[in-house]
């Protein structure tokens, strides 16, 4: 998850393969390119330009038993509650192994 965050935001947060590498959420604002906005700014020449931004947040992953307070538990829920959209990332080898059993 942190690797995708780094790619989307051009950041350098730790992206390791062990539980709770991310404890506190990592946040970054990413400008959203829009040719229509650029055209309108060129045409009307406003005194200031305020482009659209996407706030990207990297939060800790869920662990088994999170609903019972394991891992970050309720802290995780408070971090995710503020999000408007969620990217749910899964490791492919975990999916393949779980379908075999």
PDB file of N, CA and C in Angstrom:
ATOM      1  N   UNK A   1       0.832  -1.190   0.000  1.00  0.00           N
ATOM      2  CA  UNK A   1       0.000   0.000   0.000  1.00  0.00           C
ATOM      3  C   UNK A   1       0.869   1.243   0.000  1.00  0.00           C
ATOM      4  N   UNK A   2       1.915   1.217   0.791  1.00  0.00           N
ATOM      5  CA  UNK A   2       2.787   2.392   0.862  1.00  0.00           C
ATOM      6  C   UNK A   2       3.524   2.608  -0.452  1.00  0.00           C
ATOM      7  N   UNK A   3       3.804   1.531  -1.187  1.00  0.00           N
ATOM      8  CA  UNK A   3       4.455   1.672  -2.485  1.00  0.00           C
ATOM      9  C   UNK A   3       3.546   2.426  -3.450  1.00  0.00           C
ATOM     10  N   UNK A   4       2.265   2.084  -3.480  1.00  0.00           N
ATOM     11  CA  UNK A   4       1.315   2.806  -4.329  1.00  0.00           C
ATOM     12  C   UNK A   4       1.213   4.264  -3.888  1.00  0.00           C
ATOM     13  N   UNK A   5       1.185   4.505  -2.585  1.00  0.00           N
ATOM     14  CA  UNK A   5       1.160   5.870  -2.062  1.00  0.00           C
ATOM     15  C   UNK A   5       2.378   6.646  -2.573  1.00  0.00           C
ATOM     16  N   UNK A   6       3.559   6.027  -2.501  1.00  0.00           N
ATOM     17  CA  UNK A   6       4.784   6.685  -2.970  1.00  0.00           C
ATOM     18  C   UNK A   6       4.708   7.015  -4.459  1.00  0.00           C
ATOM     19  N   UNK A   7       4.146   6.098  -5.251  1.00  0.00           N
ATOM     20  CA  UNK A   7       4.035   6.330  -6.691  1.00  0.00           C
ATOM     21  C   UNK A   7       3.057   7.465  -6.983  1.00  0.00           C
ATOM     22  N   UNK A   8       1.889   7.433  -6.347  1.00  0.00           N
ATOM     23  CA  UNK A   8       0.870   8.455  -6.603  1.00  0.00           C
ATOM     24  C   UNK A   8       1.301   9.843  -6.155  1.00  0.00           C
ATOM     25  N   UNK A   9       2.055   9.914  -5.067  1.00  0.00           N
ATOM     26  CA  UNK A   9       2.375  11.208  -4.463  1.00  0.00           C
ATOM     27  C   UNK A   9       3.820  11.641  -4.663  1.00  0.00           C
ATOM     28  N   UNK A  10       4.613  10.798  -5.314  1.00  0.00           N
ATOM     29  CA  UNK A  10       6.041  11.073  -5.477  1.00  0.00           C
ATOM     30  C   UNK A  10       6.700  11.290  -4.113  1.00  0.00           C
ATOM     31  N   UNK A  11       6.345  10.419  -3.166  1.00  0.00           N
ATOM     32  CA  UNK A  11       6.870  10.495  -1.795  1.00  0.00           C
ATOM     33  C   UNK A  11       7.889   9.391  -1.554  1.00  0.00           C
ATOM     34  N   UNK A  12       8.457   9.379  -0.376  1.00  0.00           N
ATOM     35  CA  UNK A  12       9.455   8.384   0.002  1.00  0.00           C
ATOM     36  C   UNK A  12       9.156   7.807   1.379  1.00  0.00           C
ATOM     37  N   UNK A  13       7.899   7.447   1.661  1.00  0.00           N
ATOM     38  CA  UNK A  13       7.589   6.870   2.971  1.00  0.00           C
ATOM     39  C   UNK A  13       8.048   5.414   2.996  1.00  0.00           C
ATOM     40  N   UNK A  14       8.282   4.888   4.194  1.00  0.00           N
ATOM     41  CA  UNK A  14       8.733   3.502   4.341  1.00  0.00           C
ATOM     42  C   UNK A  14       7.692   2.553   3.758  1.00  0.00           C
ATOM     43  N   UNK A  15       8.159   1.598   2.956  1.00  0.00           N
ATOM     44  CA  UNK A  15       7.268   0.604   2.342  1.00  0.00           C
ATOM     45  C   UNK A  15       7.908  -0.764   2.533  1.00  0.00           C
ATOM     46  N   UNK A  16       7.726  -1.327   3.699  1.00  0.00           N
ATOM     47  CA  UNK A  16       8.349  -2.608   4.035  1.00  0.00           C
ATOM     48  C   UNK A  16       7.296  -3.698   4.121  1.00  0.00           C
ATOM     49  N   UNK A  17       7.742  -4.942   4.032  1.00  0.00           N
ATOM     50  CA  UNK A  17       6.825  -6.080   4.050  1.00  0.00           C
ATOM     51  C   UNK A  17       6.756  -6.700   5.443  1.00  0.00           C
ATOM     52  N   UNK A  18       6.257  -5.924   6.408  1.00  0.00           N
ATOM     53  CA  UNK A  18       5.998  -6.463   7.737  1.00  0.00           C
ATOM     54  C   UNK A  18       4.826  -5.696   8.339  1.00  0.00           C
ATOM     55  N   UNK A  19       4.075  -6.351   9.240  1.00  0.00           N
ATOM     56  CA  UNK A  19       2.899  -5.689   9.817  1.00  0.00           C
ATOM     57  C   UNK A  19       3.267  -4.404  10.557  1.00  0.00           C
ATOM     58  N   UNK A  20       2.431  -3.419  10.413  1.00  0.00           N
ATOM     59  CA  UNK A  20       2.537  -2.138  11.112  1.00  0.00           C
ATOM     60  C   UNK A  20       3.774  -1.337  10.731  1.00  0.00           C
ATOM     61  N   UNK A  21       4.237  -1.508   9.498  1.00  0.00           N
ATOM     62  CA  UNK A  21       5.269  -0.604   8.985  1.00  0.00           C
ATOM     63  C   UNK A  21       4.689   0.810   8.982  1.00  0.00           C
ATOM     64  N   UNK A  22       3.396   0.908   8.653  1.00  0.00           N
ATOM     65  CA  UNK A  22       2.678   2.187   8.712  1.00  0.00           C
ATOM     66  C   UNK A  22       1.777   2.166   9.933  1.00  0.00           C
ATOM     67  N   UNK A  23       2.041   3.036  10.889  1.00  0.00           N
ATOM     68  CA  UNK A  23       1.180   3.138  12.070  1.00  0.00           C
ATOM     69  C   UNK A  23       0.393   4.442  11.988  1.00  0.00           C
ATOM     70  N   UNK A  24       1.106   5.543  11.885  1.00  0.00           N
ATOM     71  CA  UNK A  24       0.444   6.839  11.712  1.00  0.00           C
ATOM     72  C   UNK A  24       0.195   7.057  10.222  1.00  0.00           C
ATOM     73  N   UNK A  25      -0.962   7.569   9.853  1.00  0.00           N
ATOM     74  CA  UNK A  25      -1.268   7.773   8.433  1.00  0.00           C
ATOM     75  C   UNK A  25      -0.277   8.732   7.772  1.00  0.00           C
ATOM     76  N   UNK A  26       0.107   8.412   6.543  1.00  0.00           N
ATOM     77  CA  UNK A  26       0.902   9.308   5.705  1.00  0.00           C
ATOM     78  C   UNK A  26      -0.077  10.034   4.794  1.00  0.00           C
ATOM     79  N   UNK A  27       0.060  11.348   4.692  1.00  0.00           N
ATOM     80  CA  UNK A  27      -0.864  12.141   3.884  1.00  0.00           C
ATOM     81  C   UNK A  27      -0.097  13.012   2.900  1.00  0.00           C
ATOM     82  N   UNK A  28      -0.693  13.206   1.731  1.00  0.00           N
ATOM     83  CA  UNK A  28      -0.093  14.075   0.727  1.00  0.00           C
ATOM     84  C   UNK A  28      -1.188  14.626  -0.180  1.00  0.00           C
ATOM     85  N   UNK A  29      -0.989  15.842  -0.663  1.00  0.00           N
ATOM     86  CA  UNK A  29      -1.904  16.474  -1.625  1.00  0.00           C
ATOM     87  C   UNK A  29      -1.291  16.375  -3.008  1.00  0.00           C
ATOM     88  N   UNK A  30      -2.077  15.888  -3.952  1.00  0.00           N
ATOM     89  CA  UNK A  30      -1.596  15.709  -5.317  1.00  0.00           C
ATOM     90  C   UNK A  30      -2.464  16.551  -6.251  1.00  0.00           C
ATOM     91  N   UNK A  31      -1.851  17.426  -7.046  1.00  0.00           N
ATOM     92  CA  UNK A  31      -2.658  18.215  -7.987  1.00  0.00           C
ATOM     93  C   UNK A  31      -3.249  17.311  -9.071  1.00  0.00           C
ATOM     94  N   UNK A  32      -4.473  17.618  -9.481  1.00  0.00           N
ATOM     95  CA  UNK A  32      -5.145  16.851 -10.531  1.00  0.00           C
ATOM     96  C   UNK A  32      -5.035  17.643 -11.832  1.00  0.00           C
ATOM     97  N   UNK A  33      -4.280  17.128 -12.798  1.00  0.00           N
ATOM     98  CA  UNK A  33      -4.144  17.857 -14.062  1.00  0.00           C
ATOM     99  C   UNK A  33      -5.489  17.967 -14.777  1.00  0.00           C
ATOM    100  N   UNK A  34      -5.756  19.136 -15.354  1.00  0.00           N
ATOM    101  CA  UNK A  34      -7.022  19.348 -16.058  1.00  0.00           C
ATOM    102  C   UNK A  34      -6.788  20.366 -17.172  1.00  0.00           C
ATOM    103  N   UNK A  35      -6.807  19.895 -18.403  1.00  0.00           N
ATOM    104  CA  UNK A  35      -6.572  20.780 -19.553  1.00  0.00           C
ATOM    105  C   UNK A  35      -7.648  21.860 -19.663  1.00  0.00           C
ATOM    106  N   UNK A  36      -8.873  21.535 -19.246  1.00  0.00           N
ATOM    107  CA  UNK A  36      -9.953  22.526 -19.285  1.00  0.00           C
ATOM    108  C   UNK A  36      -9.651  23.684 -18.342  1.00  0.00           C
ATOM    109  N   UNK A  37      -9.137  23.354 -17.147  1.00  0.00           N
ATOM    110  CA  UNK A  37      -8.767  24.387 -16.172  1.00  0.00           C
ATOM    111  C   UNK A  37      -7.658  25.267 -16.746  1.00  0.00           C
ATOM    112  N   UNK A  38      -6.650  24.622 -17.338  1.00  0.00           N
ATOM    113  CA  UNK A  38      -5.541  25.373 -17.934  1.00  0.00           C
ATOM    114  C   UNK A  38      -6.046  26.311 -19.035  1.00  0.00           C
ATOM    115  N   UNK A  39      -6.952  25.804 -19.871  1.00  0.00           N
ATOM    116  CA  UNK A  39      -7.511  26.632 -20.947  1.00  0.00           C
ATOM    117  C   UNK A  39      -8.251  27.845 -20.384  1.00  0.00           C
ATOM    118  N   UNK A  40      -9.091  27.608 -19.384  1.00  0.00           N
ATOM    119  CA  UNK A  40      -9.859  28.710 -18.790  1.00  0.00           C
ATOM    120  C   UNK A  40      -8.944  29.751 -18.147  1.00  0.00           C
ATOM    121  N   UNK A  41      -7.880  29.293 -17.506  1.00  0.00           N
ATOM    122  CA  UNK A  41      -6.927  30.236 -16.895  1.00  0.00           C
ATOM    123  C   UNK A  41      -6.215  31.059 -17.961  1.00  0.00           C
ATOM    124  N   UNK A  42      -5.856  30.415 -19.072  1.00  0.00           N
ATOM    125  CA  UNK A  42      -5.208  31.144 -20.165  1.00  0.00           C
ATOM    126  C   UNK A  42      -6.173  32.165 -20.787  1.00  0.00           C
ATOM    127  N   UNK A  43      -7.409  31.777 -20.906  1.00  0.00           N
ATOM    128  CA  UNK A  43      -8.403  32.634 -21.561  1.00  0.00           C
ATOM    129  C   UNK A  43      -8.802  33.826 -20.696  1.00  0.00           C
ATOM    130  N   UNK A  44      -9.099  33.560 -19.407  1.00  0.00           N
ATOM    131  CA  UNK A  44      -9.606  34.622 -18.529  1.00  0.00           C
ATOM    132  C   UNK A  44      -8.525  35.320 -17.705  1.00  0.00           C
ATOM    133  N   UNK A  45      -7.352  34.727 -17.607  1.00  0.00           N
ATOM    134  CA  UNK A  45      -6.211  35.298 -16.880  1.00  0.00           C
ATOM    135  C   UNK A  45      -6.578  35.745 -15.461  1.00  0.00           C
ATOM    136  N   UNK A  46      -6.987  34.811 -14.611  1.00  0.00           N
ATOM    137  CA  UNK A  46      -7.363  35.176 -13.238  1.00  0.00           C
ATOM    138  C   UNK A  46      -6.150  35.635 -12.432  1.00  0.00           C
ATOM    139  N   UNK A  47      -6.398  36.371 -11.360  1.00  0.00           N
ATOM    140  CA  UNK A  47      -5.307  36.841 -10.499  1.00  0.00           C
ATOM    141  C   UNK A  47      -4.641  35.679  -9.770  1.00  0.00           C
ATOM    142  N   UNK A  48      -5.420  34.655  -9.467  1.00  0.00           N
ATOM    143  CA  UNK A  48      -4.841  33.468  -8.819  1.00  0.00           C
ATOM    144  C   UNK A  48      -5.469  32.215  -9.421  1.00  0.00           C
ATOM    145  N   UNK A  49      -4.735  31.128  -9.341  1.00  0.00           N
ATOM    146  CA  UNK A  49      -5.202  29.841  -9.857  1.00  0.00           C
ATOM    147  C   UNK A  49      -5.238  28.845  -8.703  1.00  0.00           C
ATOM    148  N   UNK A  50      -6.349  28.146  -8.547  1.00  0.00           N
ATOM    149  CA  UNK A  50      -6.475  27.125  -7.507  1.00  0.00           C
ATOM    150  C   UNK A  50      -6.932  25.830  -8.180  1.00  0.00           C
ATOM    151  N   UNK A  51      -5.978  24.984  -8.563  1.00  0.00           N
ATOM    152  CA  UNK A  51      -6.354  23.740  -9.238  1.00  0.00           C
ATOM    153  C   UNK A  51      -6.964  22.737  -8.256  1.00  0.00           C
ATOM    154  N   UNK A  52      -7.577  21.712  -8.811  1.00  0.00           N
ATOM    155  CA  UNK A  52      -8.132  20.639  -7.980  1.00  0.00           C
ATOM    156  C   UNK A  52      -6.991  19.808  -7.394  1.00  0.00           C
ATOM    157  N   UNK A  53      -7.196  19.325  -6.174  1.00  0.00           N
ATOM    158  CA  UNK A  53      -6.218  18.470  -5.518  1.00  0.00           C
ATOM    159  C   UNK A  53      -6.891  17.200  -5.036  1.00  0.00           C
ATOM    160  N   UNK A  54      -6.115  16.141  -4.980  1.00  0.00           N
ATOM    161  CA  UNK A  54      -6.564  14.875  -4.416  1.00  0.00           C
ATOM    162  C   UNK A  54      -5.750  14.639  -3.155  1.00  0.00           C
ATOM    163  N   UNK A  55      -6.422  14.481  -2.029  1.00  0.00           N
ATOM    164  CA  UNK A  55      -5.727  14.150  -0.783  1.00  0.00           C
ATOM    165  C   UNK A  55      -5.598  12.638  -0.702  1.00  0.00           C
ATOM    166  N   UNK A  56      -4.357  12.148  -0.676  1.00  0.00           N
ATOM    167  CA  UNK A  56      -4.082  10.715  -0.634  1.00  0.00           C
ATOM    168  C   UNK A  56      -3.550  10.382   0.752  1.00  0.00           C
ATOM    169  N   UNK A  57      -4.123   9.345   1.377  1.00  0.00           N
ATOM    170  CA  UNK A  57      -3.731   8.947   2.728  1.00  0.00           C
ATOM    171  C   UNK A  57      -3.358   7.472   2.723  1.00  0.00           C
ATOM    172  N   UNK A  58      -2.199   7.161   3.254  1.00  0.00           N
ATOM    173  CA  UNK A  58      -1.731   5.778   3.405  1.00  0.00           C
ATOM    174  C   UNK A  58      -1.950   5.392   4.861  1.00  0.00           C
ATOM    175  N   UNK A  59      -2.865   4.444   5.092  1.00  0.00           N
ATOM    176  CA  UNK A  59      -3.152   4.019   6.464  1.00  0.00           C
ATOM    177  C   UNK A  59      -2.694   2.581   6.661  1.00  0.00           C
ATOM    178  N   UNK A  60      -2.574   2.184   7.911  1.00  0.00           N
ATOM    179  CA  UNK A  60      -2.152   0.821   8.237  1.00  0.00           C
ATOM    180  C   UNK A  60      -3.160  -0.183   7.699  1.00  0.00           C
ATOM    181  N   UNK A  61      -2.685  -1.370   7.378  1.00  0.00           N
ATOM    182  CA  UNK A  61      -3.567  -2.426   6.891  1.00  0.00           C
ATOM    183  C   UNK A  61      -4.332  -3.084   8.022  1.00  0.00           C
ATOM    184  N   UNK A  62      -5.393  -3.768   7.638  1.00  0.00           N
ATOM    185  CA  UNK A  62      -6.174  -4.529   8.612  1.00  0.00           C
ATOM    186  C   UNK A  62      -5.460  -5.832   8.938  1.00  0.00           C
ATOM    187  N   UNK A  63      -5.596  -6.268  10.156  1.00  0.00           N
ATOM    188  CA  UNK A  63      -5.061  -7.564  10.565  1.00  0.00           C
ATOM    189  C   UNK A  63      -6.213  -8.413  11.088  1.00  0.00           C
ATOM    190  N   UNK A  64      -5.990  -9.712  11.107  1.00  0.00           N
ATOM    191  CA  UNK A  64      -7.000 -10.620  11.637  1.00  0.00           C
ATOM    192  C   UNK A  64      -7.295 -10.240  13.087  1.00  0.00           C
ATOM    193  N   UNK A  65      -8.568 -10.133  13.423  1.00  0.00           N
ATOM    194  CA  UNK A  65      -8.971  -9.772  14.777  1.00  0.00           C
ATOM    195  C   UNK A  65      -9.110  -8.279  15.004  1.00  0.00           C
ATOM    196  N   UNK A  66      -8.995  -7.473  13.931  1.00  0.00           N
ATOM    197  CA  UNK A  66      -9.105  -6.015  14.084  1.00  0.00           C
ATOM    198  C   UNK A  66     -10.462  -5.625  14.655  1.00  0.00           C
ATOM    199  N   UNK A  67     -11.495  -6.407  14.323  1.00  0.00           N
ATOM    200  CA  UNK A  67     -12.827  -6.099  14.843  1.00  0.00           C
ATOM    201  C   UNK A  67     -12.928  -6.340  16.342  1.00  0.00           C
ATOM    202  N   UNK A  68     -11.930  -7.029  16.910  1.00  0.00           N
ATOM    203  CA  UNK A  68     -11.892  -7.285  18.353  1.00  0.00           C
ATOM    204  C   UNK A  68     -10.825  -6.448  19.047  1.00  0.00           C
ATOM    205  N   UNK A  69     -10.284  -5.456  18.325  1.00  0.00           N
ATOM    206  CA  UNK A  69      -9.290  -4.577  18.926  1.00  0.00           C
ATOM    207  C   UNK A  69      -7.849  -4.964  18.643  1.00  0.00           C
ATOM    208  N   UNK A  70      -7.611  -6.035  17.872  1.00  0.00           N
ATOM    209  CA  UNK A  70      -6.246  -6.429  17.521  1.00  0.00           C
ATOM    210  C   UNK A  70      -5.649  -5.402  16.567  1.00  0.00           C
ATOM    211  N   UNK A  71      -4.345  -5.281  16.578  1.00  0.00           N
ATOM    212  CA  UNK A  71      -3.689  -4.312  15.708  1.00  0.00           C
ATOM    213  C   UNK A  71      -4.047  -2.900  16.136  1.00  0.00           C
ATOM    214  N   UNK A  72      -4.373  -2.072  15.171  1.00  0.00           N
ATOM    215  CA  UNK A  72      -4.753  -0.693  15.489  1.00  0.00           C
ATOM    216  C   UNK A  72      -6.228  -0.571  15.857  1.00  0.00           C
ATOM    217  N   UNK A  73      -7.021  -1.605  15.561  1.00  0.00           N
ATOM    218  CA  UNK A  73      -8.422  -1.650  15.980  1.00  0.00           C
ATOM    219  C   UNK A  73      -9.201  -0.389  15.686  1.00  0.00           C
ATOM    220  N   UNK A  74      -9.699   0.256  16.731  1.00  0.00           N
ATOM    221  CA  UNK A  74     -10.543   1.447  16.575  1.00  0.00           C
ATOM    222  C   UNK A  74      -9.788   2.633  15.996  1.00  0.00           C
ATOM    223  N   UNK A  75      -8.470   2.696  16.221  1.00  0.00           N
ATOM    224  CA  UNK A  75      -7.684   3.783  15.627  1.00  0.00           C
ATOM    225  C   UNK A  75      -7.740   3.685  14.102  1.00  0.00           C
ATOM    226  N   UNK A  76      -7.676   2.446  13.588  1.00  0.00           N
ATOM    227  CA  UNK A  76      -7.796   2.239  12.141  1.00  0.00           C
ATOM    228  C   UNK A  76      -9.128   2.789  11.643  1.00  0.00           C
ATOM    229  N   UNK A  77     -10.197   2.477  12.358  1.00  0.00           N
ATOM    230  CA  UNK A  77     -11.520   2.942  11.947  1.00  0.00           C
ATOM    231  C   UNK A  77     -11.606   4.460  11.937  1.00  0.00           C
ATOM    232  N   UNK A  78     -10.969   5.115  12.903  1.00  0.00           N
ATOM    233  CA  UNK A  78     -11.006   6.579  12.922  1.00  0.00           C
ATOM    234  C   UNK A  78     -10.230   7.160  11.742  1.00  0.00           C
ATOM    235  N   UNK A  79      -9.158   6.478  11.303  1.00  0.00           N
ATOM    236  CA  UNK A  79      -8.388   6.955  10.150  1.00  0.00           C
ATOM    237  C   UNK A  79      -9.191   6.794   8.863  1.00  0.00           C
ATOM    238  N   UNK A  80      -9.866   5.668   8.734  1.00  0.00           N
ATOM    239  CA  UNK A  80     -10.571   5.388   7.483  1.00  0.00           C
ATOM    240  C   UNK A  80     -11.900   6.133   7.394  1.00  0.00           C
ATOM    241  N   UNK A  81     -12.459   6.519   8.504  1.00  0.00           N
ATOM    242  CA  UNK A  81     -13.753   7.210   8.527  1.00  0.00           C
ATOM    243  C   UNK A  81     -13.695   8.528   7.753  1.00  0.00           C
ATOM    244  N   UNK A  82     -12.559   9.180   7.744  1.00  0.00           N
ATOM    245  CA  UNK A  82     -12.435  10.486   7.092  1.00  0.00           C
ATOM    246  C   UNK A  82     -12.260  10.378   5.575  1.00  0.00           C
ATOM    247  N   UNK A  83     -12.157   9.173   5.045  1.00  0.00           N
ATOM    248  CA  UNK A  83     -11.906   8.985   3.611  1.00  0.00           C
ATOM    249  C   UNK A  83     -13.197   9.005   2.803  1.00  0.00           C
ATOM    250  N   UNK A  84     -13.126   9.576   1.603  1.00  0.00           N
ATOM    251  CA  UNK A  84     -14.261   9.570   0.680  1.00  0.00           C
ATOM    252  C   UNK A  84     -14.228   8.354  -0.243  1.00  0.00           C
ATOM    253  N   UNK A  85     -13.044   7.813  -0.485  1.00  0.00           N
ATOM    254  CA  UNK A  85     -12.888   6.637  -1.345  1.00  0.00           C
ATOM    255  C   UNK A  85     -11.761   5.782  -0.780  1.00  0.00           C
ATOM    256  N   UNK A  86     -11.816   4.491  -1.066  1.00  0.00           N
ATOM    257  CA  UNK A  86     -10.824   3.561  -0.523  1.00  0.00           C
ATOM    258  C   UNK A  86     -10.275   2.692  -1.649  1.00  0.00           C
ATOM    259  N   UNK A  87      -8.947   2.588  -1.735  1.00  0.00           N
ATOM    260  CA  UNK A  87      -8.296   1.602  -2.592  1.00  0.00           C
ATOM    261  C   UNK A  87      -8.020   0.394  -1.717  1.00  0.00           C
ATOM    262  N   UNK A  88      -8.575  -0.751  -2.059  1.00  0.00           N
ATOM    263  CA  UNK A  88      -8.321  -1.973  -1.295  1.00  0.00           C
ATOM    264  C   UNK A  88      -7.301  -2.781  -2.085  1.00  0.00           C
ATOM    265  N   UNK A  89      -6.086  -2.898  -1.558  1.00  0.00           N
ATOM    266  CA  UNK A  89      -5.016  -3.609  -2.245  1.00  0.00           C
ATOM    267  C   UNK A  89      -4.806  -4.971  -1.608  1.00  0.00           C
ATOM    268  N   UNK A  90      -4.640  -5.980  -2.448  1.00  0.00           N
ATOM    269  CA  UNK A  90      -4.373  -7.345  -1.980  1.00  0.00           C
ATOM    270  C   UNK A  90      -3.114  -7.847  -2.671  1.00  0.00           C
ATOM    271  N   UNK A  91      -2.340  -8.651  -1.957  1.00  0.00           N
ATOM    272  CA  UNK A  91      -1.179  -9.275  -2.576  1.00  0.00           C
ATOM    273  C   UNK A  91      -1.660 -10.465  -3.383  1.00  0.00           C
ATOM    274  N   UNK A  92      -1.204 -10.571  -4.611  1.00  0.00           N
ATOM    275  CA  UNK A  92      -1.695 -11.605  -5.505  1.00  0.00           C
ATOM    276  C   UNK A  92      -1.416 -13.001  -4.971  1.00  0.00           C
ATOM    277  N   UNK A  93      -0.228 -13.255  -4.437  1.00  0.00           N
ATOM    278  CA  UNK A  93       0.075 -14.609  -3.970  1.00  0.00           C
ATOM    279  C   UNK A  93      -0.820 -15.009  -2.808  1.00  0.00           C
ATOM    280  N   UNK A  94      -1.274 -14.051  -1.999  1.00  0.00           N
ATOM    281  CA  UNK A  94      -2.219 -14.370  -0.922  1.00  0.00           C
ATOM    282  C   UNK A  94      -3.560 -14.814  -1.496  1.00  0.00           C
ATOM    283  N   UNK A  95      -3.990 -14.176  -2.569  1.00  0.00           N
ATOM    284  CA  UNK A  95      -5.265 -14.530  -3.192  1.00  0.00           C
ATOM    285  C   UNK A  95      -5.176 -15.924  -3.806  1.00  0.00           C
ATOM    286  N   UNK A  96      -4.087 -16.204  -4.505  1.00  0.00           N
ATOM    287  CA  UNK A  96      -3.915 -17.511  -5.143  1.00  0.00           C
ATOM    288  C   UNK A  96      -3.891 -18.615  -4.096  1.00  0.00           C
ATOM    289  N   UNK A  97      -3.153 -18.411  -3.008  1.00  0.00           N
ATOM    290  CA  UNK A  97      -3.070 -19.420  -1.954  1.00  0.00           C
ATOM    291  C   UNK A  97      -4.418 -19.649  -1.288  1.00  0.00           C
ATOM    292  N   UNK A  98      -5.200 -18.593  -1.075  1.00  0.00           N
ATOM    293  CA  UNK A  98      -6.483 -18.750  -0.390  1.00  0.00           C
ATOM    294  C   UNK A  98      -7.503 -19.469  -1.265  1.00  0.00           C
ATOM    295  N   UNK A  99      -7.365 -19.387  -2.591  1.00  0.00           N
ATOM    296  CA  UNK A  99      -8.303 -20.092  -3.466  1.00  0.00           C
ATOM    297  C   UNK A  99      -7.951 -21.563  -3.596  1.00  0.00           C
ATOM    298  N   UNK A 100      -6.720 -21.944  -3.259  1.00  0.00           N
ATOM    299  CA  UNK A 100      -6.302 -23.347  -3.325  1.00  0.00           C
ATOM    300  C   UNK A 100      -6.860 -24.155  -2.171  1.00  0.00           C
ATOM    301  N   UNK A 101      -7.122 -23.513  -1.034  1.00  0.00           N
ATOM    302  CA  UNK A 101      -7.567 -24.275   0.137  1.00  0.00           C
ATOM    303  C   UNK A 101      -9.062 -24.394   0.223  1.00  0.00           C
TER     304      UNK A 101
END
